[in-house]
Structures are given as structure tokens and as C-alpha cells.
Amino acid sequence: MLTREELPECPVATTVQLIGNKWKLLIIRNLVFNEKQRFGDFIKSIPAISKKVLTDNLRALEDDGLVEREVFAEVPPRVEYSLSPIGKSLKPILDAMLEWGTDYKNNL
């Protein structure tokens, strides 16, 4: 997790740093609207993402405290991803992006 000193001074820049690439936004979108996802669910719903890029972005979101990873003691192991409490606070942002994107597309 980043320290306060490592974060940009500007709060908007902080948000962009944490969720600002398209893959992180799509991962968060899935978790906002589906609550829990397995690795394969992400691959199916974000078809352009590679397994390596998905893994790297899930780890980064987990390191930043936005996503939680739960491993179940099963054979084969089952892993589920969900938003942490701080990650869940991103829902209004995603809701606003959904609304804005819909309005934009409707007005083209």
C-alpha cells in the first residue's frame, strides 16, 4: 500500500493513480456490479485483457487496499476477489461514470 508521502498532492491525481488505467477501471466495474468474481470471470467479461495483465492489476489493486482476495481450501483452489470497504466507496464514482457514459452515447 502506498504511504501518504508517496501519493500525489492533488486528490484527483491520487484517484487517477489508484484506478486510472482502463484495466483497473474494468476490474473495479466488475466488482461494483457483481460483488465477487473469480479469475475466469474477469477473463470472460474483459476479453481483451491478458492473464498476466489481469494478475498484475489485481495484485496492484490488492496492494493499494481496494480489492480483497479470498482463497478457499479446496482442490483445485478457489480464489474470489471482492472490493474492500474502501474499494466499495468507489461505487458512486462508477455509477456517475455509467450515467455520464450512457448520456454521452445517447447524445451522439
PDB file of N, CA and C in Angstrom:
ATOM      1  N   MET A   1       0.845  -1.173   0.000  1.00  0.00           N
ATOM      2  CA  MET A   1       0.000   0.000   0.000  1.00  0.00           C
ATOM      3  C   MET A   1       0.892   1.238   0.000  1.00  0.00           C
ATOM      4  N   LEU A   2       0.476   2.228  -0.751  1.00  0.00           N
ATOM      5  CA  LEU A   2       1.234   3.472  -0.824  1.00  0.00           C
ATOM      6  C   LEU A   2       1.141   4.232   0.492  1.00  0.00           C
ATOM      7  N   THR A   3       2.198   4.929   0.820  1.00  0.00           N
ATOM      8  CA  THR A   3       2.165   5.782   2.004  1.00  0.00           C
ATOM      9  C   THR A   3       1.614   7.139   1.601  1.00  0.00           C
ATOM     10  N   ARG A   4       1.209   7.918   2.564  1.00  0.00           N
ATOM     11  CA  ARG A   4       0.683   9.259   2.302  1.00  0.00           C
ATOM     12  C   ARG A   4       1.711  10.106   1.547  1.00  0.00           C
ATOM     13  N   GLU A   5       2.981   9.933   1.862  1.00  0.00           N
ATOM     14  CA  GLU A   5       4.035  10.713   1.216  1.00  0.00           C
ATOM     15  C   GLU A   5       4.207  10.328  -0.251  1.00  0.00           C
ATOM     16  N   GLU A   6       3.865   9.085  -0.605  1.00  0.00           N
ATOM     17  CA  GLU A   6       4.027   8.619  -1.981  1.00  0.00           C
ATOM     18  C   GLU A   6       2.870   9.041  -2.891  1.00  0.00           C
ATOM     19  N   LEU A   7       1.785   9.480  -2.300  1.00  0.00           N
ATOM     20  CA  LEU A   7       0.615   9.874  -3.083  1.00  0.00           C
ATOM     21  C   LEU A   7       0.769  11.303  -3.596  1.00  0.00           C
ATOM     22  N   PRO A   8       0.186  11.590  -4.760  1.00  0.00           N
ATOM     23  CA  PRO A   8       0.241  12.964  -5.274  1.00  0.00           C
ATOM     24  C   PRO A   8      -0.453  13.940  -4.324  1.00  0.00           C
ATOM     25  N   GLU A   9      -0.061  15.180  -4.389  1.00  0.00           N
ATOM     26  CA  GLU A   9      -0.676  16.226  -3.562  1.00  0.00           C
ATOM     27  C   GLU A   9      -2.149  16.410  -3.915  1.00  0.00           C
ATOM     28  N   CYS A  10      -2.452  16.364  -5.199  1.00  0.00           N
ATOM     29  CA  CYS A  10      -3.811  16.594  -5.693  1.00  0.00           C
ATOM     30  C   CYS A  10      -4.679  15.347  -5.491  1.00  0.00           C
ATOM     31  N   PRO A  11      -5.844  15.473  -4.843  1.00  0.00           N
ATOM     32  CA  PRO A  11      -6.720  14.321  -4.636  1.00  0.00           C
ATOM     33  C   PRO A  11      -7.206  13.675  -5.934  1.00  0.00           C
ATOM     34  N   VAL A  12      -7.421  14.466  -6.974  1.00  0.00           N
ATOM     35  CA  VAL A  12      -7.836  13.890  -8.260  1.00  0.00           C
ATOM     36  C   VAL A  12      -6.700  13.034  -8.824  1.00  0.00           C
ATOM     37  N   ALA A  13      -5.482  13.518  -8.720  1.00  0.00           N
ATOM     38  CA  ALA A  13      -4.319  12.754  -9.192  1.00  0.00           C
ATOM     39  C   ALA A  13      -4.159  11.464  -8.387  1.00  0.00           C
ATOM     40  N   THR A  14      -4.474  11.507  -7.107  1.00  0.00           N
ATOM     41  CA  THR A  14      -4.423  10.301  -6.278  1.00  0.00           C
ATOM     42  C   THR A  14      -5.401   9.263  -6.799  1.00  0.00           C
ATOM     43  N   THR A  15      -6.634   9.704  -7.082  1.00  0.00           N
ATOM     44  CA  THR A  15      -7.651   8.795  -7.599  1.00  0.00           C
ATOM     45  C   THR A  15      -7.212   8.206  -8.930  1.00  0.00           C
ATOM     46  N   VAL A  16      -6.701   9.044  -9.807  1.00  0.00           N
ATOM     47  CA  VAL A  16      -6.248   8.580 -11.117  1.00  0.00           C
ATOM     48  C   VAL A  16      -5.101   7.590 -10.952  1.00  0.00           C
ATOM     49  N   GLN A  17      -4.200   7.847 -10.035  1.00  0.00           N
ATOM     50  CA  GLN A  17      -3.074   6.934  -9.819  1.00  0.00           C
ATOM     51  C   GLN A  17      -3.572   5.563  -9.369  1.00  0.00           C
ATOM     52  N   LEU A  18      -4.596   5.536  -8.527  1.00  0.00           N
ATOM     53  CA  LEU A  18      -5.082   4.271  -7.978  1.00  0.00           C
ATOM     54  C   LEU A  18      -5.974   3.493  -8.947  1.00  0.00           C
ATOM     55  N   ILE A  19      -6.790   4.198  -9.722  1.00  0.00           N
ATOM     56  CA  ILE A  19      -7.747   3.485 -10.586  1.00  0.00           C
ATOM     57  C   ILE A  19      -7.673   3.934 -12.036  1.00  0.00           C
ATOM     58  N   GLY A  20      -6.643   4.662 -12.410  1.00  0.00           N
ATOM     59  CA  GLY A  20      -6.632   5.377 -13.672  1.00  0.00           C
ATOM     60  C   GLY A  20      -6.294   4.618 -14.929  1.00  0.00           C
ATOM     61  N   ASN A  21      -5.994   3.339 -14.876  1.00  0.00           N
ATOM     62  CA  ASN A  21      -5.817   2.671 -16.164  1.00  0.00           C
ATOM     63  C   ASN A  21      -7.080   1.902 -16.518  1.00  0.00           C
ATOM     64  N   LYS A  22      -7.262   1.628 -17.789  1.00  0.00           N
ATOM     65  CA  LYS A  22      -8.524   1.038 -18.223  1.00  0.00           C
ATOM     66  C   LYS A  22      -8.767  -0.329 -17.610  1.00  0.00           C
ATOM     67  N   TRP A  23      -7.713  -1.083 -17.363  1.00  0.00           N
ATOM     68  CA  TRP A  23      -7.907  -2.423 -16.806  1.00  0.00           C
ATOM     69  C   TRP A  23      -8.397  -2.348 -15.367  1.00  0.00           C
ATOM     70  N   LYS A  24      -7.792  -1.479 -14.577  1.00  0.00           N
ATOM     71  CA  LYS A  24      -8.235  -1.338 -13.183  1.00  0.00           C
ATOM     72  C   LYS A  24      -9.680  -0.882 -13.124  1.00  0.00           C
ATOM     73  N   LEU A  25     -10.050   0.052 -13.985  1.00  0.00           N
ATOM     74  CA  LEU A  25     -11.436   0.528 -14.006  1.00  0.00           C
ATOM     75  C   LEU A  25     -12.405  -0.596 -14.357  1.00  0.00           C
ATOM     76  N   LEU A  26     -12.038  -1.438 -15.315  1.00  0.00           N
ATOM     77  CA  LEU A  26     -12.926  -2.538 -15.701  1.00  0.00           C
ATOM     78  C   LEU A  26     -12.996  -3.611 -14.616  1.00  0.00           C
ATOM     79  N   ILE A  27     -11.897  -3.859 -13.938  1.00  0.00           N
ATOM     80  CA  ILE A  27     -11.905  -4.804 -12.807  1.00  0.00           C
ATOM     81  C   ILE A  27     -12.811  -4.274 -11.700  1.00  0.00           C
ATOM     82  N   ILE A  28     -12.639  -3.008 -11.361  1.00  0.00           N
ATOM     83  CA  ILE A  28     -13.470  -2.398 -10.317  1.00  0.00           C
ATOM     84  C   ILE A  28     -14.930  -2.387 -10.744  1.00  0.00           C
ATOM     85  N   ARG A  29     -15.184  -2.060 -12.017  1.00  0.00           N
ATOM     86  CA  ARG A  29     -16.561  -2.096 -12.538  1.00  0.00           C
ATOM     87  C   ARG A  29     -17.196  -3.458 -12.291  1.00  0.00           C
ATOM     88  N   ASN A  30     -16.465  -4.523 -12.621  1.00  0.00           N
ATOM     89  CA  ASN A  30     -16.999  -5.863 -12.414  1.00  0.00           C
ATOM     90  C   ASN A  30     -17.330  -6.108 -10.947  1.00  0.00           C
ATOM     91  N   LEU A  31     -16.461  -5.670 -10.069  1.00  0.00           N
ATOM     92  CA  LEU A  31     -16.673  -5.918  -8.641  1.00  0.00           C
ATOM     93  C   LEU A  31     -17.754  -5.032  -8.049  1.00  0.00           C
ATOM     94  N   VAL A  32     -17.933  -3.835  -8.592  1.00  0.00           N
ATOM     95  CA  VAL A  32     -19.012  -2.956  -8.118  1.00  0.00           C
ATOM     96  C   VAL A  32     -20.358  -3.567  -8.482  1.00  0.00           C
ATOM     97  N   PHE A  33     -20.466  -4.080  -9.687  1.00  0.00           N
ATOM     98  CA  PHE A  33     -21.756  -4.555 -10.167  1.00  0.00           C
ATOM     99  C   PHE A  33     -21.980  -6.056  -9.958  1.00  0.00           C
ATOM    100  N   ASN A  34     -20.950  -6.817  -9.574  1.00  0.00           N
ATOM    101  CA  ASN A  34     -21.088  -8.256  -9.362  1.00  0.00           C
ATOM    102  C   ASN A  34     -20.643  -8.726  -7.982  1.00  0.00           C
ATOM    103  N   GLU A  35     -20.118  -7.863  -7.178  1.00  0.00           N
ATOM    104  CA  GLU A  35     -19.644  -8.107  -5.821  1.00  0.00           C
ATOM    105  C   GLU A  35     -18.444  -9.048  -5.724  1.00  0.00           C
ATOM    106  N   LYS A  36     -18.546 -10.284  -6.202  1.00  0.00           N
ATOM    107  CA  LYS A  36     -17.414 -11.211  -6.137  1.00  0.00           C
ATOM    108  C   LYS A  36     -17.167 -11.764  -7.523  1.00  0.00           C
ATOM    109  N   GLN A  37     -15.902 -11.966  -7.827  1.00  0.00           N
ATOM    110  CA  GLN A  37     -15.526 -12.513  -9.126  1.00  0.00           C
ATOM    111  C   GLN A  37     -14.354 -13.461  -8.946  1.00  0.00           C
ATOM    112  N   ARG A  38     -14.336 -14.473  -9.778  1.00  0.00           N
ATOM    113  CA  ARG A  38     -13.184 -15.355  -9.860  1.00  0.00           C
ATOM    114  C   ARG A  38     -12.351 -14.919 -11.060  1.00  0.00           C
ATOM    115  N   PHE A  39     -11.128 -15.405 -11.108  1.00  0.00           N
ATOM    116  CA  PHE A  39     -10.200 -15.008 -12.168  1.00  0.00           C
ATOM    117  C   PHE A  39     -10.820 -15.237 -13.543  1.00  0.00           C
ATOM    118  N   GLY A  40     -11.413 -16.402 -13.749  1.00  0.00           N
ATOM    119  CA  GLY A  40     -12.022 -16.734 -15.032  1.00  0.00           C
ATOM    120  C   GLY A  40     -13.173 -15.813 -15.398  1.00  0.00           C
ATOM    121  N   ASP A  41     -13.904 -15.327 -14.384  1.00  0.00           N
ATOM    122  CA  ASP A  41     -14.997 -14.385 -14.647  1.00  0.00           C
ATOM    123  C   ASP A  41     -14.462 -13.093 -15.258  1.00  0.00           C
ATOM    124  N   PHE A  42     -13.315 -12.637 -14.736  1.00  0.00           N
ATOM    125  CA  PHE A  42     -12.704 -11.425 -15.293  1.00  0.00           C
ATOM    126  C   PHE A  42     -12.279 -11.657 -16.749  1.00  0.00           C
ATOM    127  N   ILE A  43     -11.665 -12.811 -17.005  1.00  0.00           N
ATOM    128  CA  ILE A  43     -11.203 -13.123 -18.361  1.00  0.00           C
ATOM    129  C   ILE A  43     -12.382 -13.136 -19.331  1.00  0.00           C
ATOM    130  N   LYS A  44     -13.515 -13.696 -18.913  1.00  0.00           N
ATOM    131  CA  LYS A  44     -14.696 -13.751 -19.780  1.00  0.00           C
ATOM    132  C   LYS A  44     -15.309 -12.376 -20.013  1.00  0.00           C
ATOM    133  N   SER A  45     -15.338 -11.546 -18.993  1.00  0.00           N
ATOM    134  CA  SER A  45     -16.027 -10.255 -19.106  1.00  0.00           C
ATOM    135  C   SER A  45     -15.117  -9.119 -19.583  1.00  0.00           C
ATOM    136  N   ILE A  46     -13.814  -9.350 -19.588  1.00  0.00           N
ATOM    137  CA  ILE A  46     -12.850  -8.370 -20.113  1.00  0.00           C
ATOM    138  C   ILE A  46     -11.992  -9.123 -21.127  1.00  0.00           C
ATOM    139  N   PRO A  47     -12.547  -9.462 -22.287  1.00  0.00           N
ATOM    140  CA  PRO A  47     -11.864 -10.374 -23.206  1.00  0.00           C
ATOM    141  C   PRO A  47     -10.525  -9.882 -23.749  1.00  0.00           C
ATOM    142  N   ALA A  48     -10.285  -8.591 -23.792  1.00  0.00           N
ATOM    143  CA  ALA A  48      -9.028  -8.093 -24.351  1.00  0.00           C
ATOM    144  C   ALA A  48      -7.865  -8.162 -23.356  1.00  0.00           C
ATOM    145  N   ILE A  49      -8.134  -8.466 -22.098  1.00  0.00           N
ATOM    146  CA  ILE A  49      -7.077  -8.470 -21.082  1.00  0.00           C
ATOM    147  C   ILE A  49      -6.349  -9.818 -21.087  1.00  0.00           C
ATOM    148  N   SER A  50      -5.030  -9.757 -20.975  1.00  0.00           N
ATOM    149  CA  SER A  50      -4.258 -10.993 -20.875  1.00  0.00           C
ATOM    150  C   SER A  50      -4.235 -11.454 -19.419  1.00  0.00           C
ATOM    151  N   LYS A  51      -3.917 -12.705 -19.210  1.00  0.00           N
ATOM    152  CA  LYS A  51      -3.855 -13.243 -17.849  1.00  0.00           C
ATOM    153  C   LYS A  51      -2.788 -12.528 -17.029  1.00  0.00           C
ATOM    154  N   LYS A  52      -1.642 -12.215 -17.652  1.00  0.00           N
ATOM    155  CA  LYS A  52      -0.575 -11.518 -16.929  1.00  0.00           C
ATOM    156  C   LYS A  52      -1.005 -10.119 -16.516  1.00  0.00           C
ATOM    157  N   VAL A  53      -1.628  -9.385 -17.430  1.00  0.00           N
ATOM    158  CA  VAL A  53      -2.072  -8.021 -17.121  1.00  0.00           C
ATOM    159  C   VAL A  53      -3.160  -8.054 -16.051  1.00  0.00           C
ATOM    160  N   LEU A  54      -4.067  -9.014 -16.133  1.00  0.00           N
ATOM    161  CA  LEU A  54      -5.100  -9.155 -15.109  1.00  0.00           C
ATOM    162  C   LEU A  54      -4.466  -9.441 -13.754  1.00  0.00           C
ATOM    163  N   THR A  55      -3.545 -10.382 -13.717  1.00  0.00           N
ATOM    164  CA  THR A  55      -2.862 -10.718 -12.457  1.00  0.00           C
ATOM    165  C   THR A  55      -2.148  -9.504 -11.885  1.00  0.00           C
ATOM    166  N   ASP A  56      -1.406  -8.786 -12.720  1.00  0.00           N
ATOM    167  CA  ASP A  56      -0.663  -7.606 -12.259  1.00  0.00           C
ATOM    168  C   ASP A  56      -1.603  -6.539 -11.697  1.00  0.00           C
ATOM    169  N   ASN A  57      -2.720  -6.302 -12.375  1.00  0.00           N
ATOM    170  CA  ASN A  57      -3.654  -5.272 -11.930  1.00  0.00           C
ATOM    171  C   ASN A  57      -4.411  -5.704 -10.678  1.00  0.00           C
ATOM    172  N   LEU A  58      -4.782  -6.967 -10.580  1.00  0.00           N
ATOM    173  CA  LEU A  58      -5.426  -7.449  -9.347  1.00  0.00           C
ATOM    174  C   LEU A  58      -4.479  -7.303  -8.164  1.00  0.00           C
ATOM    175  N   ARG A  59      -3.221  -7.646  -8.366  1.00  0.00           N
ATOM    176  CA  ARG A  59      -2.223  -7.507  -7.280  1.00  0.00           C
ATOM    177  C   ARG A  59      -2.046  -6.050  -6.877  1.00  0.00           C
ATOM    178  N   ALA A  60      -1.995  -5.160  -7.861  1.00  0.00           N
ATOM    179  CA  ALA A  60      -1.830  -3.735  -7.562  1.00  0.00           C
ATOM    180  C   ALA A  60      -3.039  -3.211  -6.794  1.00  0.00           C
ATOM    181  N   LEU A  61      -4.241  -3.595  -7.211  1.00  0.00           N
ATOM    182  CA  LEU A  61      -5.454  -3.159  -6.505  1.00  0.00           C
ATOM    183  C   LEU A  61      -5.493  -3.731  -5.093  1.00  0.00           C
ATOM    184  N   GLU A  62      -5.016  -4.956  -4.944  1.00  0.00           N
ATOM    185  CA  GLU A  62      -4.950  -5.561  -3.612  1.00  0.00           C
ATOM    186  C   GLU A  62      -3.902  -4.841  -2.754  1.00  0.00           C
ATOM    187  N   ASP A  63      -2.738  -4.573  -3.327  1.00  0.00           N
ATOM    188  CA  ASP A  63      -1.678  -3.855  -2.602  1.00  0.00           C
ATOM    189  C   ASP A  63      -2.135  -2.464  -2.168  1.00  0.00           C
ATOM    190  N   ASP A  64      -2.962  -1.823  -2.986  1.00  0.00           N
ATOM    191  CA  ASP A  64      -3.457  -0.486  -2.663  1.00  0.00           C
ATOM    192  C   ASP A  64      -4.656  -0.513  -1.722  1.00  0.00           C
ATOM    193  N   GLY A  65      -5.102  -1.712  -1.337  1.00  0.00           N
ATOM    194  CA  GLY A  65      -6.185  -1.835  -0.373  1.00  0.00           C
ATOM    195  C   GLY A  65      -7.576  -1.685  -0.956  1.00  0.00           C
ATOM    196  N   LEU A  66      -7.709  -1.747  -2.280  1.00  0.00           N
ATOM    197  CA  LEU A  66      -9.017  -1.572  -2.908  1.00  0.00           C
ATOM    198  C   LEU A  66      -9.741  -2.898  -3.145  1.00  0.00           C
ATOM    199  N   VAL A  67      -8.973  -3.969  -3.286  1.00  0.00           N
ATOM    200  CA  VAL A  67      -9.529  -5.291  -3.572  1.00  0.00           C
ATOM    201  C   VAL A  67      -9.033  -6.283  -2.528  1.00  0.00           C
ATOM    202  N   GLU A  68      -9.914  -7.200  -2.159  1.00  0.00           N
ATOM    203  CA  GLU A  68      -9.558  -8.277  -1.238  1.00  0.00           C
ATOM    204  C   GLU A  68      -9.594  -9.597  -1.992  1.00  0.00           C
ATOM    205  N   ARG A  69      -8.695 -10.483  -1.630  1.00  0.00           N
ATOM    206  CA  ARG A  69      -8.564 -11.787  -2.267  1.00  0.00           C
ATOM    207  C   ARG A  69      -8.831 -12.850  -1.210  1.00  0.00           C
ATOM    208  N   GLU A  70      -9.760 -13.747  -1.497  1.00  0.00           N
ATOM    209  CA  GLU A  70     -10.085 -14.819  -0.556  1.00  0.00           C
ATOM    210  C   GLU A  70      -9.790 -16.155  -1.214  1.00  0.00           C
ATOM    211  N   VAL A  71      -8.929 -16.945  -0.560  1.00  0.00           N
ATOM    212  CA  VAL A  71      -8.547 -18.258  -1.075  1.00  0.00           C
ATOM    213  C   VAL A  71      -9.275 -19.310  -0.253  1.00  0.00           C
ATOM    214  N   PHE A  72      -9.953 -20.222  -0.940  1.00  0.00           N
ATOM    215  CA  PHE A  72     -10.684 -21.297  -0.281  1.00  0.00           C
ATOM    216  C   PHE A  72      -9.849 -22.567  -0.337  1.00  0.00           C
ATOM    217  N   ALA A  73      -9.807 -23.281   0.773  1.00  0.00           N
ATOM    218  CA  ALA A  73      -9.021 -24.510   0.876  1.00  0.00           C
ATOM    219  C   ALA A  73      -9.779 -25.655   0.211  1.00  0.00           C
ATOM    220  N   GLU A  74      -9.726 -25.672  -1.109  1.00  0.00           N
ATOM    221  CA  GLU A  74     -10.380 -26.694  -1.904  1.00  0.00           C
ATOM    222  C   GLU A  74      -9.388 -27.215  -2.929  1.00  0.00           C
ATOM    223  N   VAL A  75      -9.728 -28.338  -3.525  1.00  0.00           N
ATOM    224  CA  VAL A  75      -8.910 -28.864  -4.609  1.00  0.00           C
ATOM    225  C   VAL A  75      -9.805 -28.960  -5.834  1.00  0.00           C
ATOM    226  N   PRO A  76      -9.518 -28.222  -6.895  1.00  0.00           N
ATOM    227  CA  PRO A  76      -8.471 -27.205  -7.009  1.00  0.00           C
ATOM    228  C   PRO A  76      -8.827 -25.967  -6.184  1.00  0.00           C
ATOM    229  N   PRO A  77      -7.824 -25.181  -5.820  1.00  0.00           N
ATOM    230  CA  PRO A  77      -8.084 -23.991  -5.009  1.00  0.00           C
ATOM    231  C   PRO A  77      -9.034 -23.031  -5.726  1.00  0.00           C
ATOM    232  N   ARG A  78      -9.906 -22.434  -4.960  1.00  0.00           N
ATOM    233  CA  ARG A  78     -10.831 -21.426  -5.491  1.00  0.00           C
ATOM    234  C   ARG A  78     -10.441 -20.089  -4.883  1.00  0.00           C
ATOM    235  N   VAL A  79     -10.349 -19.072  -5.724  1.00  0.00           N
ATOM    236  CA  VAL A  79      -9.993 -17.725  -5.277  1.00  0.00           C
ATOM    237  C   VAL A  79     -11.086 -16.782  -5.746  1.00  0.00           C
ATOM    238  N   GLU A  80     -11.576 -15.957  -4.828  1.00  0.00           N
ATOM    239  CA  GLU A  80     -12.578 -14.951  -5.165  1.00  0.00           C
ATOM    240  C   GLU A  80     -12.042 -13.575  -4.806  1.00  0.00           C
ATOM    241  N   TYR A  81     -12.361 -12.617  -5.662  1.00  0.00           N
ATOM    242  CA  TYR A  81     -11.965 -11.234  -5.456  1.00  0.00           C
ATOM    243  C   TYR A  81     -13.208 -10.407  -5.167  1.00  0.00           C
ATOM    244  N   SER A  82     -13.067  -9.460  -4.266  1.00  0.00           N
ATOM    245  CA  SER A  82     -14.158  -8.540  -3.946  1.00  0.00           C
ATOM    246  C   SER A  82     -13.548  -7.196  -3.574  1.00  0.00           C
ATOM    247  N   LEU A  83     -14.398  -6.191  -3.546  1.00  0.00           N
ATOM    248  CA  LEU A  83     -13.921  -4.871  -3.135  1.00  0.00           C
ATOM    249  C   LEU A  83     -13.780  -4.827  -1.620  1.00  0.00           C
ATOM    250  N   SER A  84     -12.745  -4.182  -1.152  1.00  0.00           N
ATOM    251  CA  SER A  84     -12.577  -3.918   0.274  1.00  0.00           C
ATOM    252  C   SER A  84     -13.574  -2.818   0.650  1.00  0.00           C
ATOM    253  N   PRO A  85     -13.726  -2.529   1.932  1.00  0.00           N
ATOM    254  CA  PRO A  85     -14.607  -1.410   2.306  1.00  0.00           C
ATOM    255  C   PRO A  85     -14.219  -0.098   1.616  1.00  0.00           C
ATOM    256  N   ILE A  86     -12.933   0.202   1.523  1.00  0.00           N
ATOM    257  CA  ILE A  86     -12.530   1.436   0.840  1.00  0.00           C
ATOM    258  C   ILE A  86     -12.786   1.316  -0.662  1.00  0.00           C
ATOM    259  N   GLY A  87     -12.621   0.134  -1.215  1.00  0.00           N
ATOM    260  CA  GLY A  87     -12.930  -0.090  -2.622  1.00  0.00           C
ATOM    261  C   GLY A  87     -14.407   0.105  -2.915  1.00  0.00           C
ATOM    262  N   LYS A  88     -15.261  -0.315  -1.977  1.00  0.00           N
ATOM    263  CA  LYS A  88     -16.707  -0.146  -2.154  1.00  0.00           C
ATOM    264  C   LYS A  88     -17.096   1.326  -2.200  1.00  0.00           C
ATOM    265  N   SER A  89     -16.284   2.173  -1.603  1.00  0.00           N
ATOM    266  CA  SER A  89     -16.592   3.607  -1.626  1.00  0.00           C
ATOM    267  C   SER A  89     -16.422   4.198  -3.030  1.00  0.00           C
ATOM    268  N   LEU A  90     -15.880   3.423  -3.969  1.00  0.00           N
ATOM    269  CA  LEU A  90     -15.758   3.869  -5.354  1.00  0.00           C
ATOM    270  C   LEU A  90     -17.064   3.724  -6.132  1.00  0.00           C
ATOM    271  N   LYS A  91     -18.058   3.054  -5.573  1.00  0.00           N
ATOM    272  CA  LYS A  91     -19.319   2.809  -6.282  1.00  0.00           C
ATOM    273  C   LYS A  91     -19.961   4.093  -6.807  1.00  0.00           C
ATOM    274  N   PRO A  92     -20.069   5.164  -6.019  1.00  0.00           N
ATOM    275  CA  PRO A  92     -20.666   6.387  -6.573  1.00  0.00           C
ATOM    276  C   PRO A  92     -19.900   6.936  -7.785  1.00  0.00           C
ATOM    277  N   ILE A  93     -18.598   6.756  -7.801  1.00  0.00           N
ATOM    278  CA  ILE A  93     -17.800   7.210  -8.937  1.00  0.00           C
ATOM    279  C   ILE A  93     -18.151   6.384 -10.169  1.00  0.00           C
ATOM    280  N   LEU A  94     -18.221   5.062 -10.009  1.00  0.00           N
ATOM    281  CA  LEU A  94     -18.576   4.199 -11.139  1.00  0.00           C
ATOM    282  C   LEU A  94     -20.009   4.442 -11.590  1.00  0.00           C
ATOM    283  N   ASP A  95     -20.912   4.666 -10.645  1.00  0.00           N
ATOM    284  CA  ASP A  95     -22.299   4.981 -11.006  1.00  0.00           C
ATOM    285  C   ASP A  95     -22.358   6.266 -11.832  1.00  0.00           C
ATOM    286  N   ALA A  96     -21.590   7.276 -11.421  1.00  0.00           N
ATOM    287  CA  ALA A  96     -21.567   8.540 -12.162  1.00  0.00           C
ATOM    288  C   ALA A  96     -20.957   8.335 -13.552  1.00  0.00           C
ATOM    289  N   MET A  97     -19.927   7.514 -13.655  1.00  0.00           N
ATOM    290  CA  MET A  97     -19.314   7.235 -14.956  1.00  0.00           C
ATOM    291  C   MET A  97     -20.291   6.485 -15.863  1.00  0.00           C
ATOM    292  N   LEU A  98     -21.043   5.561 -15.292  1.00  0.00           N
ATOM    293  CA  LEU A  98     -22.053   4.819 -16.053  1.00  0.00           C
ATOM    294  C   LEU A  98     -23.109   5.781 -16.602  1.00  0.00           C
ATOM    295  N   GLU A  99     -23.597   6.650 -15.741  1.00  0.00           N
ATOM    296  CA  GLU A  99     -24.620   7.614 -16.153  1.00  0.00           C
ATOM    297  C   GLU A  99     -24.075   8.574 -17.220  1.00  0.00           C
ATOM    298  N   TRP A 100     -22.883   9.105 -16.985  1.00  0.00           N
ATOM    299  CA  TRP A 100     -22.297  10.038 -17.932  1.00  0.00           C
ATOM    300  C   TRP A 100     -22.048   9.372 -19.280  1.00  0.00           C
ATOM    301  N   GLY A 101     -21.482   8.161 -19.253  1.00  0.00           N
ATOM    302  CA  GLY A 101     -21.199   7.442 -20.496  1.00  0.00           C
ATOM    303  C   GLY A 101     -22.477   7.128 -21.271  1.00  0.00           C
ATOM    304  N   THR A 102     -23.528   6.753 -20.556  1.00  0.00           N
ATOM    305  CA  THR A 102     -24.809   6.481 -21.206  1.00  0.00           C
ATOM    306  C   THR A 102     -25.366   7.745 -21.850  1.00  0.00           C
ATOM    307  N   ASP A 103     -25.349   8.857 -21.108  1.00  0.00           N
ATOM    308  CA  ASP A 103     -25.837  10.140 -21.654  1.00  0.00           C
ATOM    309  C   ASP A 103     -25.008  10.561 -22.874  1.00  0.00           C
ATOM    310  N   TYR A 104     -23.706  10.405 -22.783  1.00  0.00           N
ATOM    311  CA  TYR A 104     -22.838  10.792 -23.895  1.00  0.00           C
ATOM    312  C   TYR A 104     -23.174   9.995 -25.143  1.00  0.00           C
ATOM    313  N   LYS A 105     -23.284   8.674 -24.981  1.00  0.00           N
ATOM    314  CA  LYS A 105     -23.604   7.818 -26.130  1.00  0.00           C
ATOM    315  C   LYS A 105     -24.984   8.134 -26.709  1.00  0.00           C
ATOM    316  N   ASN A 106     -25.944   8.454 -25.849  1.00  0.00           N
ATOM    317  CA  ASN A 106     -27.293   8.771 -26.314  1.00  0.00           C
ATOM    318  C   ASN A 106     -27.367  10.095 -27.043  1.00  0.00           C
ATOM    319  N   ASN A 107     -26.434  10.988 -26.777  1.00  0.00           N
ATOM    320  CA  ASN A 107     -26.446  12.311 -27.395  1.00  0.00           C
ATOM    321  C   ASN A 107     -25.542  12.436 -28.608  1.00  0.00           C
ATOM    322  N   LEU A 108     -24.944  11.349 -29.047  1.00  0.00           N
ATOM    323  CA  LEU A 108     -24.092  11.401 -30.247  1.00  0.00           C
ATOM    324  C   LEU A 108     -24.921  11.523 -31.510  1.00  0.00           C
TER     325      LEU A 108
END
